[in-house]
Structures are given as C-alpha cells and as structure tokens.
Amino acid sequence: MDIVSLKATIASFMDFAEYFSLPDYLILTSGFLVLLLLLLLFVALRSYFIVAFVVFLVGLILFFLSPLVYQVLMTNVIRKVEITLKFNQKMYYDDSYFVEGSLVNKGIIKFRGCVISVNFVPKGIKKLQALRYEIKPIYKHLQVYENPLNVDEKLDFKILIPSPNPEVLYFLNTRGSCY
C-alpha cells in the first residue's frame, strides 16, 4: 500500500468522522466499553452456566438497545432543544405559509448552528396517511441557521414559505434541531 492510497483511505473516513462531535464519541466509546466488559465477564464466568448466560443475555439486550439509548441520551440530555412557535400556519391573504418562533438550547453543550424543518401535511387526511407524510413528506422546507447557540441561549426565527400547491391546504409540522 503506497502513501497515495493510504491518504485516499483516510480521506474517505474524514467525511464520516466530521459527522460526530466529542459527546457522540464519548457516548459511543463508553457503550462499546460496557459491551466489551460484559463479553469479558461472560468468558470469565463460562464455568457457571446460568450466571454466564444471564451476563450474555444482558449484553445482547444492551447491544440491540444501544441505538435507542444513544438517541434518547442525545435528544433528551446532551442536545436538548426547546422550540416555541408563535405563528405556524397559512397567511390569510396570500398563498404562503409563515412560521415564527424561537429555539432555546436546553442541552449541556454549545451548538454551532440550528436547522428548522417544516413538513407540509395535507389537512383532512386520516392519521395513518399523516404518518406516511411524516416519513416521506410531499414538501419539506429546511432553513439552516449558522449562528452559534450557547447553553440557555435563544434563537428567534421567521420563515416565509411559498405554498407548494395553492389548491391544497396544509398543516405544518415544524421541528427544530441543532448541531
């Protein structure tokens, strides 16, 4: 393997490595270490079948629940964001939608920026169809704010979005997240 192919291999991992921040790495590493400790405990206690089986079962359950635990920790503790909407509907005399509100950083880390996503869900549909539009929306508007947001700091936003189809009335599902 020459130096050029080594640089290309390292460069291919850089896009993936920039996705995670330091708290992400800390949570993922600690989860990996817990699973490794349970595996070593399973190997050490293999002569005691029932205890080893329980340790193996706990490790297996933690392995499959680790993405859920990671997501809950990141969204509810580390990267917690509170969104308050003042106006989130169609304008009265125009075929556009207006979203006004604020995001508050309730987490424990400083954010580099925030993203407001607005999904357009048609009004008057059944709940099962509304779930379909949650997963694959007809139209989704993303607004990115590159403002750093410290802990307990507020970001006010106003977004004017033209209607994707003026003949259809939409319900706006607005969410905010920060990175």
N, C-alpha and C. Protein backbone atom coordinates (compact mmCIF):
# COMPACT_ATOMS: atom_id res chain seq x y z
N MET A 1 0.86 -1.17 0.00
CA MET A 1 0.00 0.00 0.00
C MET A 1 0.90 1.23 0.00
N ASP A 2 0.76 2.05 -1.01
CA ASP A 2 1.59 3.25 -1.09
C ASP A 2 0.93 4.40 -0.35
N ILE A 3 1.62 5.52 -0.28
CA ILE A 3 1.17 6.67 0.51
C ILE A 3 -0.07 7.33 -0.10
N VAL A 4 -0.21 7.29 -1.42
CA VAL A 4 -1.36 7.92 -2.08
C VAL A 4 -2.65 7.17 -1.73
N SER A 5 -2.59 5.84 -1.78
CA SER A 5 -3.80 5.07 -1.44
C SER A 5 -4.13 5.17 0.05
N LEU A 6 -3.09 5.31 0.90
CA LEU A 6 -3.33 5.50 2.33
C LEU A 6 -4.02 6.84 2.59
N LYS A 7 -3.56 7.90 1.90
CA LYS A 7 -4.21 9.21 2.05
C LYS A 7 -5.65 9.17 1.55
N ALA A 8 -5.90 8.45 0.45
CA ALA A 8 -7.26 8.35 -0.07
C ALA A 8 -8.17 7.60 0.90
N THR A 9 -7.64 6.57 1.53
CA THR A 9 -8.43 5.80 2.51
C THR A 9 -8.76 6.66 3.72
N ILE A 10 -7.78 7.39 4.23
CA ILE A 10 -8.01 8.27 5.38
C ILE A 10 -8.99 9.38 5.02
N ALA A 11 -8.88 9.93 3.82
CA ALA A 11 -9.79 11.00 3.39
C ALA A 11 -11.22 10.50 3.26
N SER A 12 -11.40 9.23 2.90
CA SER A 12 -12.77 8.71 2.79
C SER A 12 -13.44 8.59 4.16
N PHE A 13 -12.66 8.40 5.22
CA PHE A 13 -13.22 8.33 6.57
C PHE A 13 -13.43 9.70 7.19
N MET A 14 -12.85 10.75 6.64
CA MET A 14 -12.96 12.08 7.24
C MET A 14 -14.39 12.62 7.15
N ASP A 15 -15.10 12.34 6.06
CA ASP A 15 -16.49 12.79 5.96
C ASP A 15 -17.34 12.16 7.05
N PHE A 16 -17.11 10.89 7.32
CA PHE A 16 -17.85 10.18 8.37
C PHE A 16 -17.45 10.67 9.75
N ALA A 17 -16.17 10.96 9.95
CA ALA A 17 -15.68 11.38 11.26
C ALA A 17 -16.17 12.78 11.63
N GLU A 18 -16.40 13.65 10.65
CA GLU A 18 -16.87 15.00 10.94
C GLU A 18 -18.33 15.02 11.36
N TYR A 19 -19.06 13.94 11.12
CA TYR A 19 -20.47 13.88 11.50
C TYR A 19 -20.64 13.85 13.01
N PHE A 20 -19.73 13.19 13.72
CA PHE A 20 -19.83 13.05 15.17
C PHE A 20 -19.05 14.14 15.88
N SER A 21 -19.57 14.55 17.04
CA SER A 21 -18.87 15.51 17.88
C SER A 21 -18.26 14.75 19.05
N LEU A 22 -17.57 15.48 19.92
CA LEU A 22 -16.91 14.85 21.06
C LEU A 22 -17.90 14.12 21.98
N PRO A 23 -19.06 14.71 22.33
CA PRO A 23 -20.01 13.94 23.16
C PRO A 23 -20.50 12.66 22.48
N ASP A 24 -20.65 12.70 21.15
CA ASP A 24 -21.04 11.48 20.43
C ASP A 24 -19.99 10.40 20.62
N TYR A 25 -18.74 10.77 20.42
CA TYR A 25 -17.66 9.79 20.58
C TYR A 25 -17.59 9.26 22.01
N LEU A 26 -17.80 10.12 23.01
CA LEU A 26 -17.75 9.68 24.40
C LEU A 26 -18.85 8.67 24.71
N ILE A 27 -20.05 8.93 24.24
CA ILE A 27 -21.16 8.00 24.49
C ILE A 27 -20.95 6.69 23.75
N LEU A 28 -20.54 6.76 22.49
CA LEU A 28 -20.32 5.53 21.72
C LEU A 28 -19.17 4.71 22.29
N THR A 29 -18.10 5.37 22.73
CA THR A 29 -16.96 4.66 23.30
C THR A 29 -17.32 4.02 24.63
N SER A 30 -18.06 4.74 25.48
CA SER A 30 -18.44 4.15 26.77
C SER A 30 -19.39 2.97 26.56
N GLY A 31 -20.29 3.06 25.61
CA GLY A 31 -21.17 1.93 25.30
C GLY A 31 -20.40 0.73 24.81
N PHE A 32 -19.40 0.97 23.95
CA PHE A 32 -18.56 -0.12 23.46
C PHE A 32 -17.79 -0.76 24.61
N LEU A 33 -17.27 0.05 25.53
CA LEU A 33 -16.52 -0.50 26.66
C LEU A 33 -17.41 -1.32 27.59
N VAL A 34 -18.65 -0.90 27.80
CA VAL A 34 -19.58 -1.69 28.63
C VAL A 34 -19.86 -3.03 27.97
N LEU A 35 -20.09 -3.03 26.66
CA LEU A 35 -20.32 -4.30 25.96
C LEU A 35 -19.08 -5.19 25.99
N LEU A 36 -17.91 -4.60 25.87
CA LEU A 36 -16.67 -5.37 25.95
C LEU A 36 -16.48 -5.96 27.34
N LEU A 37 -16.78 -5.19 28.38
CA LEU A 37 -16.70 -5.71 29.75
C LEU A 37 -17.68 -6.86 29.97
N LEU A 38 -18.87 -6.75 29.45
CA LEU A 38 -19.83 -7.85 29.58
C LEU A 38 -19.37 -9.09 28.83
N LEU A 39 -18.75 -8.92 27.68
CA LEU A 39 -18.21 -10.06 26.94
C LEU A 39 -17.08 -10.72 27.73
N LEU A 40 -16.19 -9.92 28.30
CA LEU A 40 -15.10 -10.49 29.11
C LEU A 40 -15.63 -11.17 30.36
N LEU A 41 -16.66 -10.60 30.97
CA LEU A 41 -17.29 -11.22 32.13
C LEU A 41 -17.95 -12.54 31.75
N PHE A 42 -18.54 -12.60 30.58
CA PHE A 42 -19.13 -13.84 30.08
C PHE A 42 -18.07 -14.92 29.91
N VAL A 43 -16.93 -14.54 29.34
CA VAL A 43 -15.84 -15.50 29.15
C VAL A 43 -15.27 -15.95 30.49
N ALA A 44 -15.14 -15.02 31.44
CA ALA A 44 -14.58 -15.36 32.75
C ALA A 44 -15.52 -16.26 33.55
N LEU A 45 -16.80 -16.11 33.38
CA LEU A 45 -17.77 -16.88 34.16
C LEU A 45 -18.38 -18.04 33.37
N ARG A 46 -17.72 -18.51 32.33
CA ARG A 46 -18.31 -19.55 31.50
C ARG A 46 -18.48 -20.88 32.23
N SER A 47 -17.73 -21.11 33.32
CA SER A 47 -17.91 -22.36 34.07
C SER A 47 -19.21 -22.34 34.87
N TYR A 48 -19.73 -21.16 35.20
CA TYR A 48 -21.04 -21.03 35.85
C TYR A 48 -22.06 -20.71 34.77
N PHE A 49 -22.71 -21.74 34.30
CA PHE A 49 -23.53 -21.62 33.10
C PHE A 49 -24.65 -20.59 33.25
N ILE A 50 -25.40 -20.63 34.33
CA ILE A 50 -26.56 -19.73 34.48
C ILE A 50 -26.11 -18.28 34.59
N VAL A 51 -25.08 -18.01 35.37
CA VAL A 51 -24.57 -16.63 35.51
C VAL A 51 -24.02 -16.14 34.18
N ALA A 52 -23.27 -17.00 33.49
CA ALA A 52 -22.71 -16.61 32.19
C ALA A 52 -23.82 -16.36 31.17
N PHE A 53 -24.86 -17.18 31.21
CA PHE A 53 -25.98 -16.99 30.29
C PHE A 53 -26.70 -15.66 30.56
N VAL A 54 -26.90 -15.32 31.84
CA VAL A 54 -27.55 -14.05 32.19
C VAL A 54 -26.70 -12.86 31.73
N VAL A 55 -25.38 -12.94 31.95
CA VAL A 55 -24.48 -11.87 31.52
C VAL A 55 -24.51 -11.74 30.00
N PHE A 56 -24.50 -12.88 29.30
CA PHE A 56 -24.55 -12.85 27.84
C PHE A 56 -25.88 -12.26 27.36
N LEU A 57 -26.98 -12.64 28.02
CA LEU A 57 -28.29 -12.12 27.65
C LEU A 57 -28.39 -10.61 27.88
N VAL A 58 -27.85 -10.12 29.00
CA VAL A 58 -27.84 -8.68 29.28
C VAL A 58 -27.01 -7.95 28.22
N GLY A 59 -25.86 -8.51 27.87
CA GLY A 59 -25.02 -7.91 26.83
C GLY A 59 -25.71 -7.87 25.48
N LEU A 60 -26.44 -8.93 25.15
CA LEU A 60 -27.16 -8.98 23.88
C LEU A 60 -28.30 -7.96 23.86
N ILE A 61 -29.02 -7.84 24.97
CA ILE A 61 -30.10 -6.85 25.05
C ILE A 61 -29.53 -5.44 24.95
N LEU A 62 -28.44 -5.16 25.65
CA LEU A 62 -27.81 -3.83 25.57
C LEU A 62 -27.30 -3.54 24.17
N PHE A 63 -26.79 -4.56 23.49
CA PHE A 63 -26.30 -4.37 22.13
C PHE A 63 -27.42 -3.92 21.20
N PHE A 64 -28.59 -4.57 21.31
CA PHE A 64 -29.69 -4.21 20.43
C PHE A 64 -30.40 -2.93 20.86
N LEU A 65 -30.32 -2.57 22.13
CA LEU A 65 -30.94 -1.34 22.60
C LEU A 65 -30.01 -0.13 22.53
N SER A 66 -28.74 -0.34 22.21
CA SER A 66 -27.78 0.76 22.22
C SER A 66 -28.13 1.91 21.27
N PRO A 67 -28.65 1.68 20.05
CA PRO A 67 -29.04 2.84 19.23
C PRO A 67 -30.16 3.66 19.86
N LEU A 68 -31.11 2.99 20.50
CA LEU A 68 -32.20 3.70 21.16
C LEU A 68 -31.68 4.49 22.36
N VAL A 69 -30.81 3.89 23.15
CA VAL A 69 -30.23 4.58 24.31
C VAL A 69 -29.42 5.78 23.85
N TYR A 70 -28.65 5.61 22.79
CA TYR A 70 -27.85 6.71 22.24
C TYR A 70 -28.75 7.86 21.78
N GLN A 71 -29.83 7.53 21.07
CA GLN A 71 -30.74 8.56 20.57
C GLN A 71 -31.42 9.30 21.72
N VAL A 72 -31.86 8.57 22.74
CA VAL A 72 -32.53 9.20 23.88
C VAL A 72 -31.57 10.10 24.63
N LEU A 73 -30.34 9.64 24.85
CA LEU A 73 -29.34 10.48 25.54
C LEU A 73 -29.04 11.75 24.77
N MET A 74 -28.89 11.63 23.47
CA MET A 74 -28.53 12.81 22.67
C MET A 74 -29.69 13.80 22.58
N THR A 75 -30.91 13.34 22.38
CA THR A 75 -32.02 14.28 22.19
C THR A 75 -32.60 14.81 23.49
N ASN A 76 -32.51 14.06 24.58
CA ASN A 76 -33.14 14.49 25.83
C ASN A 76 -32.18 15.05 26.86
N VAL A 77 -30.89 14.84 26.70
CA VAL A 77 -29.93 15.32 27.69
C VAL A 77 -28.89 16.23 27.06
N ILE A 78 -28.13 15.72 26.12
CA ILE A 78 -26.97 16.45 25.60
C ILE A 78 -27.38 17.52 24.59
N ARG A 79 -28.22 17.17 23.63
CA ARG A 79 -28.63 18.12 22.58
C ARG A 79 -30.10 18.50 22.69
N LYS A 80 -30.55 18.74 23.88
CA LYS A 80 -31.96 19.07 24.09
C LYS A 80 -32.26 20.48 23.58
N VAL A 81 -33.31 20.59 22.78
CA VAL A 81 -33.73 21.86 22.19
C VAL A 81 -35.22 22.04 22.47
N GLU A 82 -35.57 23.24 22.90
CA GLU A 82 -36.98 23.56 23.13
C GLU A 82 -37.41 24.54 22.05
N ILE A 83 -38.47 24.19 21.33
CA ILE A 83 -38.97 25.05 20.26
C ILE A 83 -40.33 25.60 20.67
N THR A 84 -40.50 26.90 20.49
CA THR A 84 -41.76 27.58 20.78
C THR A 84 -42.21 28.28 19.51
N LEU A 85 -43.41 27.95 19.05
CA LEU A 85 -43.94 28.53 17.82
C LEU A 85 -45.00 29.57 18.15
N LYS A 86 -44.81 30.78 17.61
CA LYS A 86 -45.80 31.85 17.80
C LYS A 86 -46.83 31.84 16.67
N PHE A 87 -46.37 31.55 15.47
CA PHE A 87 -47.26 31.51 14.30
C PHE A 87 -46.77 30.39 13.41
N ASN A 88 -47.68 29.49 13.02
CA ASN A 88 -47.28 28.32 12.25
C ASN A 88 -48.43 27.90 11.33
N GLN A 89 -48.80 28.77 10.40
CA GLN A 89 -49.93 28.47 9.53
C GLN A 89 -49.89 29.30 8.26
N LYS A 90 -50.95 29.13 7.45
CA LYS A 90 -51.05 29.83 6.17
C LYS A 90 -51.37 31.30 6.42
N MET A 91 -50.81 32.15 5.59
CA MET A 91 -51.13 33.58 5.65
C MET A 91 -52.57 33.77 5.17
N TYR A 92 -53.24 34.80 5.66
CA TYR A 92 -54.66 34.98 5.36
C TYR A 92 -54.92 35.43 3.93
N TYR A 93 -54.12 36.33 3.41
CA TYR A 93 -54.40 36.91 2.10
C TYR A 93 -53.37 36.54 1.04
N ASP A 94 -52.60 35.49 1.30
CA ASP A 94 -51.54 35.11 0.38
C ASP A 94 -51.44 33.59 0.36
N ASP A 95 -50.88 33.05 -0.71
CA ASP A 95 -50.67 31.60 -0.81
C ASP A 95 -49.31 31.20 -0.26
N SER A 96 -48.95 31.71 0.86
CA SER A 96 -47.69 31.32 1.50
C SER A 96 -47.95 31.01 2.96
N TYR A 97 -46.98 30.32 3.52
CA TYR A 97 -47.06 29.92 4.92
C TYR A 97 -45.98 30.65 5.70
N PHE A 98 -46.31 31.02 6.92
CA PHE A 98 -45.40 31.79 7.76
C PHE A 98 -45.16 31.03 9.06
N VAL A 99 -43.89 30.89 9.40
CA VAL A 99 -43.50 30.22 10.64
C VAL A 99 -42.65 31.20 11.44
N GLU A 100 -43.08 31.46 12.66
CA GLU A 100 -42.32 32.34 13.55
C GLU A 100 -42.22 31.66 14.91
N GLY A 101 -41.03 31.70 15.47
CA GLY A 101 -40.85 31.08 16.78
C GLY A 101 -39.45 31.27 17.29
N SER A 102 -39.11 30.47 18.28
CA SER A 102 -37.78 30.56 18.86
C SER A 102 -37.31 29.18 19.29
N LEU A 103 -36.00 29.01 19.24
CA LEU A 103 -35.33 27.79 19.71
C LEU A 103 -34.50 28.15 20.92
N VAL A 104 -34.55 27.33 21.96
CA VAL A 104 -33.75 27.55 23.16
C VAL A 104 -32.89 26.32 23.38
N ASN A 105 -31.59 26.53 23.58
CA ASN A 105 -30.66 25.45 23.85
C ASN A 105 -30.81 25.03 25.31
N LYS A 106 -31.43 23.89 25.56
CA LYS A 106 -31.60 23.36 26.91
C LYS A 106 -30.64 22.21 27.19
N GLY A 107 -29.72 21.96 26.27
CA GLY A 107 -28.76 20.87 26.44
C GLY A 107 -27.58 21.29 27.28
N ILE A 108 -26.51 20.49 27.22
CA ILE A 108 -25.33 20.77 28.03
C ILE A 108 -24.11 21.14 27.19
N ILE A 109 -24.29 21.26 25.87
CA ILE A 109 -23.18 21.66 25.01
C ILE A 109 -23.57 22.87 24.17
N LYS A 110 -22.57 23.55 23.64
CA LYS A 110 -22.78 24.70 22.76
C LYS A 110 -22.99 24.18 21.35
N PHE A 111 -23.97 24.75 20.64
CA PHE A 111 -24.27 24.35 19.28
C PHE A 111 -23.59 25.28 18.29
N ARG A 112 -23.21 24.73 17.13
CA ARG A 112 -22.62 25.53 16.07
C ARG A 112 -23.68 26.15 15.17
N GLY A 113 -24.85 25.55 15.13
CA GLY A 113 -25.93 26.05 14.29
C GLY A 113 -27.19 25.24 14.51
N CYS A 114 -28.27 25.68 13.89
CA CYS A 114 -29.56 25.00 14.05
C CYS A 114 -30.24 24.84 12.70
N VAL A 115 -31.12 23.85 12.62
CA VAL A 115 -31.89 23.58 11.41
C VAL A 115 -33.37 23.52 11.79
N ILE A 116 -34.17 24.31 11.07
CA ILE A 116 -35.62 24.27 11.24
C ILE A 116 -36.18 23.54 10.03
N SER A 117 -36.94 22.47 10.28
CA SER A 117 -37.56 21.73 9.17
C SER A 117 -39.07 21.86 9.28
N VAL A 118 -39.69 22.15 8.15
CA VAL A 118 -41.14 22.32 8.08
C VAL A 118 -41.67 21.30 7.07
N ASN A 119 -42.46 20.34 7.56
CA ASN A 119 -43.10 19.35 6.69
C ASN A 119 -44.52 19.80 6.39
N PHE A 120 -44.92 19.70 5.15
CA PHE A 120 -46.27 20.05 4.73
C PHE A 120 -47.11 18.78 4.68
N VAL A 121 -48.13 18.71 5.54
CA VAL A 121 -49.05 17.57 5.60
C VAL A 121 -50.43 18.08 5.19
N PRO A 122 -51.06 17.47 4.18
CA PRO A 122 -52.39 17.94 3.75
C PRO A 122 -53.42 17.82 4.88
N LYS A 123 -54.29 18.83 4.98
CA LYS A 123 -55.35 18.80 6.01
C LYS A 123 -56.45 17.85 5.58
N GLY A 124 -57.14 17.27 6.57
CA GLY A 124 -58.29 16.42 6.31
C GLY A 124 -57.94 15.00 5.90
N ILE A 125 -56.78 14.50 6.27
CA ILE A 125 -56.43 13.12 5.95
C ILE A 125 -56.46 12.28 7.22
N LYS A 126 -56.46 10.97 7.06
CA LYS A 126 -56.50 10.06 8.20
C LYS A 126 -55.14 10.02 8.89
N LYS A 127 -55.15 9.52 10.13
CA LYS A 127 -53.92 9.51 10.92
C LYS A 127 -52.85 8.61 10.31
N LEU A 128 -53.26 7.50 9.70
CA LEU A 128 -52.29 6.60 9.08
C LEU A 128 -51.63 7.26 7.88
N GLN A 129 -52.39 8.00 7.09
CA GLN A 129 -51.81 8.72 5.97
C GLN A 129 -50.92 9.86 6.45
N ALA A 130 -51.31 10.49 7.57
CA ALA A 130 -50.48 11.56 8.13
C ALA A 130 -49.13 11.01 8.56
N LEU A 131 -49.12 9.78 9.08
CA LEU A 131 -47.85 9.14 9.44
C LEU A 131 -47.00 8.91 8.20
N ARG A 132 -47.64 8.57 7.09
CA ARG A 132 -46.90 8.38 5.84
C ARG A 132 -46.22 9.68 5.40
N TYR A 133 -46.93 10.80 5.58
CA TYR A 133 -46.35 12.09 5.21
C TYR A 133 -45.27 12.53 6.19
N GLU A 134 -45.29 11.99 7.41
CA GLU A 134 -44.20 12.26 8.36
C GLU A 134 -42.91 11.61 7.87
N ILE A 135 -43.04 10.38 7.37
CA ILE A 135 -41.87 9.64 6.92
C ILE A 135 -41.37 10.16 5.58
N LYS A 136 -42.29 10.34 4.64
CA LYS A 136 -41.92 10.83 3.31
C LYS A 136 -42.84 12.01 2.96
N PRO A 137 -42.42 13.23 3.34
CA PRO A 137 -43.31 14.38 3.13
C PRO A 137 -43.43 14.76 1.65
N ILE A 138 -44.56 15.41 1.34
CA ILE A 138 -44.78 15.93 -0.01
C ILE A 138 -43.77 17.03 -0.29
N TYR A 139 -43.66 17.92 0.66
CA TYR A 139 -42.74 19.05 0.52
C TYR A 139 -42.14 19.32 1.89
N LYS A 140 -40.85 19.50 1.91
CA LYS A 140 -40.15 19.76 3.17
C LYS A 140 -39.25 20.97 2.95
N HIS A 141 -39.40 21.95 3.82
CA HIS A 141 -38.57 23.15 3.75
C HIS A 141 -37.56 23.12 4.89
N LEU A 142 -36.30 23.28 4.56
CA LEU A 142 -35.23 23.32 5.57
C LEU A 142 -34.63 24.71 5.60
N GLN A 143 -34.49 25.25 6.78
CA GLN A 143 -33.85 26.55 6.98
C GLN A 143 -32.69 26.33 7.94
N VAL A 144 -31.48 26.66 7.49
CA VAL A 144 -30.28 26.45 8.30
C VAL A 144 -29.81 27.79 8.85
N TYR A 145 -29.56 27.81 10.15
CA TYR A 145 -29.01 28.99 10.82
C TYR A 145 -27.62 28.63 11.33
N GLU A 146 -26.62 29.35 10.87
CA GLU A 146 -25.24 29.07 11.25
C GLU A 146 -24.80 29.82 12.50
N ASN A 147 -25.74 30.34 13.27
CA ASN A 147 -25.40 31.10 14.48
C ASN A 147 -25.04 30.15 15.61
N PRO A 148 -23.90 30.36 16.28
CA PRO A 148 -23.60 29.55 17.46
C PRO A 148 -24.63 29.83 18.56
N LEU A 149 -24.97 28.79 19.29
CA LEU A 149 -26.01 28.89 20.31
C LEU A 149 -25.47 28.30 21.62
N ASN A 150 -25.21 29.18 22.59
CA ASN A 150 -24.71 28.73 23.89
C ASN A 150 -25.84 28.10 24.70
N VAL A 151 -25.49 27.53 25.85
CA VAL A 151 -26.48 26.91 26.72
C VAL A 151 -27.43 27.99 27.24
N ASP A 152 -28.72 27.71 27.21
CA ASP A 152 -29.81 28.60 27.62
C ASP A 152 -29.89 29.88 26.78
N GLU A 153 -29.34 29.85 25.59
CA GLU A 153 -29.44 30.99 24.68
C GLU A 153 -30.60 30.73 23.71
N LYS A 154 -31.21 31.81 23.22
CA LYS A 154 -32.40 31.71 22.38
C LYS A 154 -32.10 32.21 20.97
N LEU A 155 -32.66 31.52 19.99
CA LEU A 155 -32.57 31.91 18.59
C LEU A 155 -33.98 32.15 18.08
N ASP A 156 -34.27 33.39 17.68
CA ASP A 156 -35.57 33.72 17.10
C ASP A 156 -35.50 33.55 15.59
N PHE A 157 -36.55 33.00 15.01
CA PHE A 157 -36.56 32.78 13.56
C PHE A 157 -37.92 33.15 12.98
N LYS A 158 -37.87 33.56 11.72
CA LYS A 158 -39.07 33.86 10.92
C LYS A 158 -38.82 33.29 9.53
N ILE A 159 -39.76 32.48 9.07
CA ILE A 159 -39.61 31.82 7.77
C ILE A 159 -40.88 32.05 6.96
N LEU A 160 -40.73 32.50 5.74
CA LEU A 160 -41.84 32.66 4.81
C LEU A 160 -41.66 31.64 3.70
N ILE A 161 -42.63 30.74 3.55
CA ILE A 161 -42.52 29.63 2.61
C ILE A 161 -43.66 29.72 1.59
N PRO A 162 -43.34 29.75 0.29
CA PRO A 162 -44.42 29.73 -0.70
C PRO A 162 -45.14 28.38 -0.69
N SER A 163 -46.43 28.40 -0.95
CA SER A 163 -47.22 27.17 -0.94
C SER A 163 -46.81 26.26 -2.09
N PRO A 164 -46.56 24.96 -1.82
CA PRO A 164 -46.20 24.05 -2.91
C PRO A 164 -47.36 23.81 -3.88
N ASN A 165 -48.60 23.87 -3.38
CA ASN A 165 -49.78 23.70 -4.21
C ASN A 165 -50.88 24.60 -3.65
N PRO A 166 -51.18 25.72 -4.29
CA PRO A 166 -52.15 26.67 -3.73
C PRO A 166 -53.57 26.12 -3.57
N GLU A 167 -53.94 25.05 -4.29
CA GLU A 167 -55.29 24.49 -4.19
C GLU A 167 -55.49 23.64 -2.94
N VAL A 168 -54.39 23.23 -2.30
CA VAL A 168 -54.47 22.32 -1.15
C VAL A 168 -54.08 23.08 0.12
N LEU A 169 -54.86 22.88 1.18
CA LEU A 169 -54.50 23.45 2.48
C LEU A 169 -53.61 22.45 3.22
N TYR A 170 -52.59 22.96 3.87
CA TYR A 170 -51.62 22.09 4.55
C TYR A 170 -51.58 22.40 6.04
N PHE A 171 -51.26 21.38 6.80
CA PHE A 171 -50.91 21.51 8.21
C PHE A 171 -49.39 21.49 8.27
N LEU A 172 -48.79 22.42 9.00
CA LEU A 172 -47.33 22.49 9.08
C LEU A 172 -46.83 21.74 10.30
N ASN A 173 -45.93 20.81 10.06
CA ASN A 173 -45.27 20.08 11.14
C ASN A 173 -43.85 20.64 11.23
N THR A 174 -43.63 21.52 12.19
CA THR A 174 -42.36 22.23 12.31
C THR A 174 -41.54 21.64 13.45
N ARG A 175 -40.27 21.38 13.14
CA ARG A 175 -39.35 20.83 14.14
C ARG A 175 -38.04 21.61 14.07
N GLY A 176 -37.34 21.58 15.18
CA GLY A 176 -36.03 22.23 15.24
C GLY A 176 -35.01 21.30 15.86
N SER A 177 -33.81 21.34 15.33
CA SER A 177 -32.71 20.58 15.90
C SER A 177 -31.43 21.37 15.70
N CYS A 178 -30.46 21.10 16.54
CA CYS A 178 -29.20 21.83 16.47
C CYS A 178 -28.03 20.85 16.39
N TYR A 179 -26.93 21.34 15.88
CA TYR A 179 -25.73 20.52 15.74
C TYR A 179 -24.53 21.23 16.31
